Every structure is written in C-alpha cells, then in structure tokens.
C-alpha cells in the first residue's frame, strides 16, 4: 500500500486563493504546484513516487479531454465512472490512508486542480477542492470504486443513485450490502422495471434503511441478503407503479424456508393478543368516503423521538433526530415540520441554524403522542397487533 503527501487545510486554502483567481489555462500551466509544505502519515508505508503522480495526471487529463475539457463536460457519469476506476488502480491506498482530508487536499490542489475546476467550475463549493469526505472531486470517486468493487460498472450509475448508496453510512460501511444494492438496481434498470430509476433507488433505500435497526445484515448469508434487497426493490417498484406491495407478503409466510435447516414454523400469536388485519384511520376531509389513511409507525416512532429529545434537552434538530432514528435528512425535516403544523413543536432559527422547541400548547397533548401502533405479527403480512381491550 502506498501513502501520499498531505497538506494542511490552511495551505490548501491559500493555494485556492492564488489559483482560482486565474483562468483554467493558467491553472493547468501551474500544475503540479509543489510549493506547499507536505507531511506524511507517521505510521509508515511506501511513499508514492513523483512519476506515479505524473502518470496519474496524464491519464486523468486524457480522460477529461475525451469528455470535453476545456469546454463543457459531456457524459459526466461515464467520465466519473471511468475516473473512479483509474484513481483506484493508480492509488492503491489503504482505507485508513484514503480517509484523511489532507491526502485529497494535496492531490486535488497540487496535482489536479485544473480538472476539478473544469468539472465543477471556478465558483464551486470549496469542498470540491478541499478533501471533504462526500464532496471532494476525486475522493468520492476513489471511494466509489473501493466500496462497490470491480464487478460493478460505475458508468451505468447516475450521481443521485451513487449518492443514495455512498452517503448512507449504514449502507456504505457494509461493502457486501452496498454491492448487492448496486447489482440489484442495475438488474432492475436493465429489465425496465421502473419508469423513473432515480425514484426507484430512493424508495428502495428508504425501505432498506428502515430495516437497519432490526436486522444484522452482516450476519445474513449471501442468498439471504440478496432476498432482502430484492424485496425492498420489489416493494419500491410496485409502490411507484401504483400497485400494492406484495413482496413483503411473500417474504413473511406462515412457513418459512431456511436454506440450511429446511422449513420451520414461525411462532404463533401470544395469548391475550388480538390480531387485526389492518389498522387504518379515516381521512377527516373525506367523511363518508371509502378513503383511508394507513398509520405509519415509522413516522410515529420518529415523531415520538423528536418530542423526547425536545423534552430532555430543550430543543431538537434535524441532526439530533437522525442520530437516534435511521432516516434521511429530508425525512427528518418532514417529521419536524409536521410536528410544527400540529402545534407540538415551534420552529426557531433560520436555514442551518434551525431548531425546534416544545410549543406552548404541547403540555395538553404531548401525553397522547404518538398514537398507539402495535408491531406487525410474524407470519401475518398485513396484520397489526395491539393489546386486547380489558
């Protein structure tokens, strides 16, 4: 494994102040810029040779020119997919080495700044040039190739689809799971399973993330993991097409097939528990109609956690809610704003400084939140349990 030079953030910022005031041609002519003071990891390793970085720059530039440099970029997903493979093969670093911002600040600002500026523009977010974990031009590409492996064609995945895998720590931290998701998604796209591939990925990932507190994916055999991912995509595709999800129903059968031990019966319902086929609530705006709104236990759990945080520490934010509940930033925002609309929370601050506190009216209704929703009965795909009325 090789190790790369590192530059401190202030050194990278100084370089950007100098170079970003120039045109792309001038930036290119000044590369590589070897003026900053560099350091190396203190734990040793084979230091990358200058000729290796020169070869990498030559190959990256050739690829960029194939895709329009110095003019407007063409086929960005193909450029980034090929670039990811090139970076990973040219820079065989350990995961630890590749996790340091200073490494990517050095590579971007000292060797490939012109390519980064061409890709995102001179006015791009500074994180495209500094070694930010999710935004640096080249760091995110290297990690895509590292996590997803050589068997997945990265040129076939769009930016939003890759972000849905790579920027969800519970997914990206498990390489086998991340690769299974990518392979299943590409298989669905090849089959024409969804009109909107972006929506298919987003909906499937929501379903998969809801399982993470309940299921140890690392403990599943390969065929079991594929089955779980397949069911998430099936449910997402059916939901997008307007059909009810049948994948989950097929998965939770009264008799379940275990590959190693054969069929086994799932536990029966405990005494004193009443099984209700489906719990629904009537839409107040459509009294007399047959329309119903299904209780969403995931939303209720998140809402309950949000109120608990606000009661315990005085305020709740999007980030503090996501630390306790495995949901996306957008889903957390939806939960918090819904509680504001219901009069349970009050919003304070603006933009990134927004936080939420208990409203003045919460004392009267907080005790009744959330609505009681019982867990799903094993073996009953559409059933919800609750304690029998005394």
Foldseek 3Di string as FASTA:
>chain_A
DEAEWFADPVVLVVLLVVQLVDDLVVLVVCAQPPPGDTDTDPPDHHYDDPVLLVVLLVVLVVLQVVQPPPDAGHLVQLSLLVLLVSVCVSDVDDPVNLVDQRRQLNSCSRHNVSVLCSHANSPDDCCCNGSDCCRPVHSNSPLLCVLQDDVARRSVDDPLLSCLQCVQCLRSVDSLNSNLLRVLLVVCVVVVLAPDSSQLSVQLSQVVLQCVVPDDLVPDDSVVSNLSSNLSSQQSSCVRVVHHRCSLVVCQAQWHQDPPPGIDGDDDDDPQKDKDLFDWADDPVDPPDPDTHGDDVLLLVLLLVQLVVCVPPVKADLVNSCVPHVDDSVSSVVSVVVCVVVQQWDWDDDDPPIIIHGGPPNVVPVVCGDPDWADADRNRSRITIDGDDD
